[in-house]
Amino acid sequence: MISLAEENYLKNIYKLSEKNSGAVTTSSLADALQINAASVTDFVKKMAEKKMVTYQKSKGAMLTEAGKKIALKIIRKHRLWEVWLVNTLNFKWDEVHDIAEQLEHVNSDMLIERLDNHLGNPTADPHGDLIPDAKGKFIKDRSKPLLKCIAKQKVKFIGVAEHSNSFLQFLTKNNLKIGDELFIERIEAYDQSFHLKINKKTKKVFSKEVVKNILIVLA
């Protein structure tokens, strides 16, 4: 039986390894979990004894195949619950994370498969994060940051790289939502701010800090 704490460790190791493609240091894991580094090291060593991770003091922790399978299962549940909360209960996209953090530990494969089918087998959550299927497989990620685009391109907003409530609320305040069509009218040479036309009508200007966290695909 996997404990709630072990599930949280595995999920965070997976997410951190995605960003840095390699072993996850105990200090970065401690920051993510908001736990002191010494406690994290002790816990990771115990998980290594259970073959959920491998651990080297000089490098950090990496998921074993068994650990990765559990991590993907938790991520799948979390993101499906977020879809349900937004689509069915009308939560806002900045309100669902903490609730999904609790629901992701519900241990019923039958429930999750029925939830998936009920939602129409979504491939992404309300923030655009891809949802693994029951086998832990993702569809191909075609997204890139808006910042990497050039003027006069037409793109579609499909996700965010920044998940803080303040960022999500900023986008909502500016009437920008996933699925919107964006046309890049021009990019300021001085500060790389983007002049956008949203859905062929509303014009907005966004800073470099904002556009680097908006994920798009070419329309």
C-alpha atoms as a PDB file:
ATOM      1  CA  MET A   1       0.000   0.000   0.000  1.00  0.00           C
ATOM      2  CA  ILE A   2       1.369   3.398  -1.037  1.00  0.00           C
ATOM      3  CA  SER A   3       0.991   6.180   1.513  1.00  0.00           C
ATOM      4  CA  LEU A   4      -0.302   9.661   0.698  1.00  0.00           C
ATOM      5  CA  ALA A   5       3.142  11.095   1.454  1.00  0.00           C
ATOM      6  CA  GLU A   6       4.809   8.632  -0.935  1.00  0.00           C
ATOM      7  CA  GLU A   7       2.347   9.566  -3.661  1.00  0.00           C
ATOM      8  CA  ASN A   8       3.155  13.249  -3.197  1.00  0.00           C
ATOM      9  CA  TYR A   9       6.896  12.561  -3.343  1.00  0.00           C
ATOM     10  CA  LEU A  10       6.583  10.484  -6.501  1.00  0.00           C
ATOM     11  CA  LYS A  11       4.394  13.067  -8.234  1.00  0.00           C
ATOM     12  CA  ASN A  12       6.772  15.910  -7.403  1.00  0.00           C
ATOM     13  CA  ILE A  13       9.872  13.952  -8.413  1.00  0.00           C
ATOM     14  CA  TYR A  14       8.213  13.255 -11.763  1.00  0.00           C
ATOM     15  CA  LYS A  15       7.307  16.918 -12.323  1.00  0.00           C
ATOM     16  CA  LEU A  16      10.765  18.159 -11.335  1.00  0.00           C
ATOM     17  CA  SER A  17      12.491  15.567 -13.533  1.00  0.00           C
ATOM     18  CA  GLU A  18      10.331  16.734 -16.469  1.00  0.00           C
ATOM     19  CA  LYS A  19      11.690  20.251 -16.083  1.00  0.00           C
ATOM     20  CA  ASN A  20      15.340  19.309 -15.590  1.00  0.00           C
ATOM     21  CA  SER A  21      15.515  15.900 -17.350  1.00  0.00           C
ATOM     22  CA  GLY A  22      17.577  14.031 -14.805  1.00  0.00           C
ATOM     23  CA  ALA A  23      17.945  13.190 -11.142  1.00  0.00           C
ATOM     24  CA  VAL A  24      16.071  15.455  -8.733  1.00  0.00           C
ATOM     25  CA  THR A  25      18.094  16.944  -5.902  1.00  0.00           C
ATOM     26  CA  THR A  26      16.745  16.687  -2.380  1.00  0.00           C
ATOM     27  CA  SER A  27      16.968  20.478  -2.035  1.00  0.00           C
ATOM     28  CA  SER A  28      14.698  21.095  -5.055  1.00  0.00           C
ATOM     29  CA  LEU A  29      12.311  18.413  -3.812  1.00  0.00           C
ATOM     30  CA  ALA A  30      12.316  19.994  -0.356  1.00  0.00           C
ATOM     31  CA  ASP A  31      11.413  23.360  -1.919  1.00  0.00           C
ATOM     32  CA  ALA A  32       8.551  21.797  -3.898  1.00  0.00           C
ATOM     33  CA  LEU A  33       7.161  19.975  -0.856  1.00  0.00           C
ATOM     34  CA  GLN A  34       7.986  22.787   1.599  1.00  0.00           C
ATOM     35  CA  ILE A  35       9.738  20.332   3.909  1.00  0.00           C
ATOM     36  CA  ASN A  36      13.281  20.597   5.283  1.00  0.00           C
ATOM     37  CA  ALA A  37      15.969  18.906   3.170  1.00  0.00           C
ATOM     38  CA  ALA A  38      17.115  16.493   5.877  1.00  0.00           C
ATOM     39  CA  SER A  39      13.617  15.039   6.233  1.00  0.00           C
ATOM     40  CA  VAL A  40      13.327  14.711   2.466  1.00  0.00           C
ATOM     41  CA  THR A  41      16.621  12.842   2.258  1.00  0.00           C
ATOM     42  CA  ASP A  42      15.532  10.361   4.940  1.00  0.00           C
ATOM     43  CA  PHE A  43      12.182   9.776   3.235  1.00  0.00           C
ATOM     44  CA  VAL A  44      13.728   9.326  -0.213  1.00  0.00           C
ATOM     45  CA  LYS A  45      16.129   6.720   1.187  1.00  0.00           C
ATOM     46  CA  LYS A  46      13.161   4.765   2.571  1.00  0.00           C
ATOM     47  CA  MET A  47      11.444   4.980  -0.809  1.00  0.00           C
ATOM     48  CA  ALA A  48      14.617   3.690  -2.452  1.00  0.00           C
ATOM     49  CA  GLU A  49      14.451   0.641  -0.171  1.00  0.00           C
ATOM     50  CA  LYS A  50      10.941   0.028  -1.549  1.00  0.00           C
ATOM     51  CA  LYS A  51      12.278   0.277  -5.128  1.00  0.00           C
ATOM     52  CA  MET A  52      10.110   3.287  -5.959  1.00  0.00           C
ATOM     53  CA  VAL A  53      13.146   5.510  -6.609  1.00  0.00           C
ATOM     54  CA  THR A  54      16.868   5.227  -6.981  1.00  0.00           C
ATOM     55  CA  TYR A  55      18.965   7.578  -4.874  1.00  0.00           C
ATOM     56  CA  GLN A  56      22.567   8.769  -5.007  1.00  0.00           C
ATOM     57  CA  LYS A  57      23.766  11.371  -2.541  1.00  0.00           C
ATOM     58  CA  SER A  58      25.799  13.217  -5.181  1.00  0.00           C
ATOM     59  CA  LYS A  59      22.995  13.309  -7.768  1.00  0.00           C
ATOM     60  CA  GLY A  60      19.608  12.911  -6.113  1.00  0.00           C
ATOM     61  CA  ALA A  61      16.536  10.776  -6.777  1.00  0.00           C
ATOM     62  CA  MET A  62      15.144   9.238  -9.941  1.00  0.00           C
ATOM     63  CA  LEU A  63      11.935   7.284 -10.365  1.00  0.00           C
ATOM     64  CA  THR A  64      12.071   3.589 -11.070  1.00  0.00           C
ATOM     65  CA  GLU A  65       9.592   2.216 -13.601  1.00  0.00           C
ATOM     66  CA  ALA A  66       7.335   1.249 -10.695  1.00  0.00           C
ATOM     67  CA  GLY A  67       7.602   4.733  -9.197  1.00  0.00           C
ATOM     68  CA  LYS A  68       6.932   6.417 -12.540  1.00  0.00           C
ATOM     69  CA  LYS A  69       3.816   4.308 -13.042  1.00  0.00           C
ATOM     70  CA  ILE A  70       2.417   5.466  -9.688  1.00  0.00           C
ATOM     71  CA  ALA A  71       3.348   9.109 -10.353  1.00  0.00           C
ATOM     72  CA  LEU A  72       1.560   9.119 -13.706  1.00  0.00           C
ATOM     73  CA  LYS A  73      -1.505   7.550 -12.133  1.00  0.00           C
ATOM     74  CA  ILE A  74      -1.655  10.352  -9.553  1.00  0.00           C
ATOM     75  CA  ILE A  75      -1.157  13.031 -12.216  1.00  0.00           C
ATOM     76  CA  ARG A  76      -3.899  11.452 -14.348  1.00  0.00           C
ATOM     77  CA  LYS A  77      -6.349  11.517 -11.443  1.00  0.00           C
ATOM     78  CA  HIS A  78      -5.448  15.087 -10.482  1.00  0.00           C
ATOM     79  CA  ARG A  79      -5.974  16.454 -13.977  1.00  0.00           C
ATOM     80  CA  LEU A  80      -9.192  14.520 -14.589  1.00  0.00           C
ATOM     81  CA  TRP A  81     -10.615  15.856 -11.328  1.00  0.00           C
ATOM     82  CA  GLU A  82      -9.686  19.387 -12.397  1.00  0.00           C
ATOM     83  CA  VAL A  83     -11.616  18.911 -15.656  1.00  0.00           C
ATOM     84  CA  TRP A  84     -14.619  17.629 -13.697  1.00  0.00           C
ATOM     85  CA  LEU A  85     -14.520  20.516 -11.228  1.00  0.00           C
ATOM     86  CA  VAL A  86     -14.450  23.104 -14.016  1.00  0.00           C
ATOM     87  CA  ASN A  87     -16.808  21.433 -16.507  1.00  0.00           C
ATOM     88  CA  THR A  88     -19.348  19.962 -14.097  1.00  0.00           C
ATOM     89  CA  LEU A  89     -19.268  22.118 -10.971  1.00  0.00           C
ATOM     90  CA  ASN A  90     -18.334  25.391 -12.687  1.00  0.00           C
ATOM     91  CA  PHE A  91     -15.223  26.079 -10.618  1.00  0.00           C
ATOM     92  CA  LYS A  92     -12.812  28.648 -12.055  1.00  0.00           C
ATOM     93  CA  TRP A  93      -9.461  27.412 -13.318  1.00  0.00           C
ATOM     94  CA  ASP A  94      -7.669  29.185 -10.467  1.00  0.00           C
ATOM     95  CA  GLU A  95      -9.829  27.435  -7.833  1.00  0.00           C
ATOM     96  CA  VAL A  96      -9.344  23.747  -8.643  1.00  0.00           C
ATOM     97  CA  HIS A  97      -5.746  22.834  -7.801  1.00  0.00           C
ATOM     98  CA  ASP A  98      -6.035  22.471  -4.027  1.00  0.00           C
ATOM     99  CA  ILE A  99      -9.283  20.503  -4.283  1.00  0.00           C
ATOM    100  CA  ALA A 100      -7.806  18.182  -6.918  1.00  0.00           C
ATOM    101  CA  GLU A 101      -4.796  17.678  -4.615  1.00  0.00           C
ATOM    102  CA  GLN A 102      -7.178  16.005  -2.178  1.00  0.00           C
ATOM    103  CA  LEU A 103      -9.205  14.080  -4.750  1.00  0.00           C
ATOM    104  CA  GLU A 104      -6.119  12.663  -6.491  1.00  0.00           C
ATOM    105  CA  HIS A 105      -5.576  10.282  -3.567  1.00  0.00           C
ATOM    106  CA  VAL A 106      -8.945   8.543  -3.988  1.00  0.00           C
ATOM    107  CA  ASN A 107      -7.902   4.967  -4.693  1.00  0.00           C
ATOM    108  CA  SER A 108     -10.455   3.504  -7.122  1.00  0.00           C
ATOM    109  CA  ASP A 109      -9.462   2.572 -10.666  1.00  0.00           C
ATOM    110  CA  MET A 110     -13.102   1.966 -11.558  1.00  0.00           C
ATOM    111  CA  LEU A 111     -14.089   5.458 -10.415  1.00  0.00           C
ATOM    112  CA  ILE A 112     -11.328   7.116 -12.431  1.00  0.00           C
ATOM    113  CA  GLU A 113     -12.125   5.176 -15.607  1.00  0.00           C
ATOM    114  CA  ARG A 114     -15.808   6.069 -15.275  1.00  0.00           C
ATOM    115  CA  LEU A 115     -14.857   9.696 -14.625  1.00  0.00           C
ATOM    116  CA  ASP A 116     -12.653   9.673 -17.730  1.00  0.00           C
ATOM    117  CA  ASN A 117     -15.451   8.233 -19.868  1.00  0.00           C
ATOM    118  CA  HIS A 118     -18.013  10.631 -18.380  1.00  0.00           C
ATOM    119  CA  LEU A 119     -15.805  13.583 -19.329  1.00  0.00           C
ATOM    120  CA  GLY A 120     -15.318  12.286 -22.880  1.00  0.00           C
ATOM    121  CA  ASN A 121     -11.713  11.095 -22.397  1.00  0.00           C
ATOM    122  CA  PRO A 122     -10.098  14.556 -22.292  1.00  0.00           C
ATOM    123  CA  THR A 123      -6.435  14.820 -23.257  1.00  0.00           C
ATOM    124  CA  ALA A 124      -5.761  18.075 -21.366  1.00  0.00           C
ATOM    125  CA  ASP A 125      -6.874  19.693 -18.119  1.00  0.00           C
ATOM    126  CA  PRO A 126      -8.301  23.247 -17.745  1.00  0.00           C
ATOM    127  CA  HIS A 127      -4.759  24.694 -17.747  1.00  0.00           C
ATOM    128  CA  GLY A 128      -3.746  22.853 -20.922  1.00  0.00           C
ATOM    129  CA  ASP A 129      -1.606  20.262 -19.103  1.00  0.00           C
ATOM    130  CA  LEU A 130      -1.748  16.928 -20.901  1.00  0.00           C
ATOM    131  CA  ILE A 131      -3.562  14.041 -19.213  1.00  0.00           C
ATOM    132  CA  PRO A 132      -1.962  10.590 -19.473  1.00  0.00           C
ATOM    133  CA  ASP A 133      -4.258   7.741 -20.460  1.00  0.00           C
ATOM    134  CA  ALA A 134      -4.824   4.643 -18.332  1.00  0.00           C
ATOM    135  CA  LYS A 135      -1.512   3.223 -19.628  1.00  0.00           C
ATOM    136  CA  GLY A 136       0.413   6.369 -18.713  1.00  0.00           C
ATOM    137  CA  LYS A 137       0.734   7.577 -22.318  1.00  0.00           C
ATOM    138  CA  PHE A 138       0.371  11.206 -23.416  1.00  0.00           C
ATOM    139  CA  ILE A 139      -0.602  12.611 -26.791  1.00  0.00           C
ATOM    140  CA  LYS A 140       2.227  14.458 -28.518  1.00  0.00           C
ATOM    141  CA  ASP A 141       2.817  17.900 -27.041  1.00  0.00           C
ATOM    142  CA  ARG A 142       2.770  20.426 -29.899  1.00  0.00           C
ATOM    143  CA  SER A 143       2.779  23.553 -27.763  1.00  0.00           C
ATOM    144  CA  LYS A 144       5.405  26.271 -27.502  1.00  0.00           C
ATOM    145  CA  PRO A 145       5.622  29.597 -25.644  1.00  0.00           C
ATOM    146  CA  LEU A 146       4.002  32.563 -27.361  1.00  0.00           C
ATOM    147  CA  LEU A 147       7.295  34.394 -26.783  1.00  0.00           C
ATOM    148  CA  LYS A 148       8.933  32.213 -29.463  1.00  0.00           C
ATOM    149  CA  CYS A 149       6.515  33.392 -32.137  1.00  0.00           C
ATOM    150  CA  ILE A 150       6.983  36.234 -34.627  1.00  0.00           C
ATOM    151  CA  ALA A 151       4.808  39.127 -35.700  1.00  0.00           C
ATOM    152  CA  LYS A 152       1.867  38.508 -38.037  1.00  0.00           C
ATOM    153  CA  GLN A 153       1.423  34.906 -36.903  1.00  0.00           C
ATOM    154  CA  LYS A 154      -1.996  33.531 -36.023  1.00  0.00           C
ATOM    155  CA  VAL A 155      -1.939  31.111 -33.090  1.00  0.00           C
ATOM    156  CA  LYS A 156      -4.264  29.317 -30.683  1.00  0.00           C
ATOM    157  CA  PHE A 157      -3.916  29.598 -26.890  1.00  0.00           C
ATOM    158  CA  ILE A 158      -3.856  26.043 -25.489  1.00  0.00           C
ATOM    159  CA  GLY A 159      -2.150  26.160 -22.092  1.00  0.00           C
ATOM    160  CA  VAL A 160      -0.071  27.915 -19.462  1.00  0.00           C
ATOM    161  CA  ALA A 161       3.441  27.326 -18.181  1.00  0.00           C
ATOM    162  CA  GLU A 162       2.754  29.302 -14.979  1.00  0.00           C
ATOM    163  CA  HIS A 163       0.055  27.912 -12.687  1.00  0.00           C
ATOM    164  CA  SER A 164      -0.013  30.462  -9.869  1.00  0.00           C
ATOM    165  CA  ASN A 165      -3.423  31.813  -8.927  1.00  0.00           C
ATOM    166  CA  SER A 166      -2.222  35.363  -9.525  1.00  0.00           C
ATOM    167  CA  PHE A 167      -1.231  34.550 -13.116  1.00  0.00           C
ATOM    168  CA  LEU A 168      -4.456  32.691 -13.879  1.00  0.00           C
ATOM    169  CA  GLN A 169      -6.490  35.514 -12.368  1.00  0.00           C
ATOM    170  CA  PHE A 170      -4.521  38.045 -14.432  1.00  0.00           C
ATOM    171  CA  LEU A 171      -5.425  36.220 -17.639  1.00  0.00           C
ATOM    172  CA  THR A 172      -9.080  36.001 -16.575  1.00  0.00           C
ATOM    173  CA  LYS A 173      -9.108  39.725 -15.769  1.00  0.00           C
ATOM    174  CA  ASN A 174      -7.819  40.376 -19.288  1.00  0.00           C
ATOM    175  CA  ASN A 175     -10.457  38.072 -20.827  1.00  0.00           C
ATOM    176  CA  LEU A 176      -7.869  35.628 -22.148  1.00  0.00           C
ATOM    177  CA  LYS A 177      -8.832  31.970 -21.996  1.00  0.00           C
ATOM    178  CA  ILE A 178      -7.734  28.647 -23.437  1.00  0.00           C
ATOM    179  CA  GLY A 179      -9.079  28.155 -26.931  1.00  0.00           C
ATOM    180  CA  ASP A 180      -8.784  31.826 -27.904  1.00  0.00           C
ATOM    181  CA  GLU A 181      -7.360  32.675 -31.313  1.00  0.00           C
ATOM    182  CA  LEU A 182      -4.526  35.206 -31.124  1.00  0.00           C
ATOM    183  CA  PHE A 183      -3.073  37.317 -33.906  1.00  0.00           C
ATOM    184  CA  ILE A 184       0.323  38.899 -33.209  1.00  0.00           C
ATOM    185  CA  GLU A 185       0.019  42.380 -34.653  1.00  0.00           C
ATOM    186  CA  ARG A 186       3.500  43.460 -33.631  1.00  0.00           C
ATOM    187  CA  ILE A 187       6.263  42.899 -31.068  1.00  0.00           C
ATOM    188  CA  GLU A 188       8.000  45.842 -29.426  1.00  0.00           C
ATOM    189  CA  ALA A 189      11.756  45.699 -30.060  1.00  0.00           C
ATOM    190  CA  TYR A 190      12.537  47.473 -26.797  1.00  0.00           C
ATOM    191  CA  ASP A 191      10.854  45.192 -24.246  1.00  0.00           C
ATOM    192  CA  GLN A 192       9.406  42.347 -26.365  1.00  0.00           C
ATOM    193  CA  SER A 193       5.849  43.159 -25.346  1.00  0.00           C
ATOM    194  CA  PHE A 194       3.265  41.631 -27.673  1.00  0.00           C
ATOM    195  CA  HIS A 195       0.405  43.533 -29.298  1.00  0.00           C
ATOM    196  CA  LEU A 196      -2.330  40.938 -29.786  1.00  0.00           C
ATOM    197  CA  LYS A 197      -5.749  40.799 -31.366  1.00  0.00           C
ATOM    198  CA  ILE A 198      -7.895  38.246 -29.517  1.00  0.00           C
ATOM    199  CA  ASN A 199     -10.592  36.366 -31.446  1.00  0.00           C
ATOM    200  CA  LYS A 200     -10.367  38.922 -34.279  1.00  0.00           C
ATOM    201  CA  LYS A 201     -11.740  41.772 -32.177  1.00  0.00           C
ATOM    202  CA  THR A 202     -10.191  42.669 -28.785  1.00  0.00           C
ATOM    203  CA  LYS A 203      -6.750  44.266 -28.770  1.00  0.00           C
ATOM    204  CA  LYS A 204      -4.405  43.795 -25.806  1.00  0.00           C
ATOM    205  CA  VAL A 205      -0.734  44.340 -25.007  1.00  0.00           C
ATOM    206  CA  PHE A 206       1.092  41.781 -22.862  1.00  0.00           C
ATOM    207  CA  SER A 207       4.576  41.922 -21.375  1.00  0.00           C
ATOM    208  CA  LYS A 208       7.398  39.478 -22.075  1.00  0.00           C
ATOM    209  CA  GLU A 209       6.826  37.940 -18.624  1.00  0.00           C
ATOM    210  CA  VAL A 210       3.238  37.112 -19.559  1.00  0.00           C
ATOM    211  CA  VAL A 211       3.789  35.807 -23.099  1.00  0.00           C
ATOM    212  CA  LYS A 212       6.599  33.467 -22.052  1.00  0.00           C
ATOM    213  CA  ASN A 213       4.040  31.642 -19.903  1.00  0.00           C
ATOM    214  CA  ILE A 214       1.300  31.424 -22.569  1.00  0.00           C
ATOM    215  CA  LEU A 215       1.496  28.172 -24.541  1.00  0.00           C
ATOM    216  CA  ILE A 216       0.203  28.100 -28.095  1.00  0.00           C
ATOM    217  CA  VAL A 217       0.010  26.097 -31.308  1.00  0.00           C
ATOM    218  CA  LEU A 218      -0.052  27.608 -34.766  1.00  0.00           C
ATOM    219  CA  ALA A 219      -3.620  28.190 -35.891  1.00  0.00           C
END
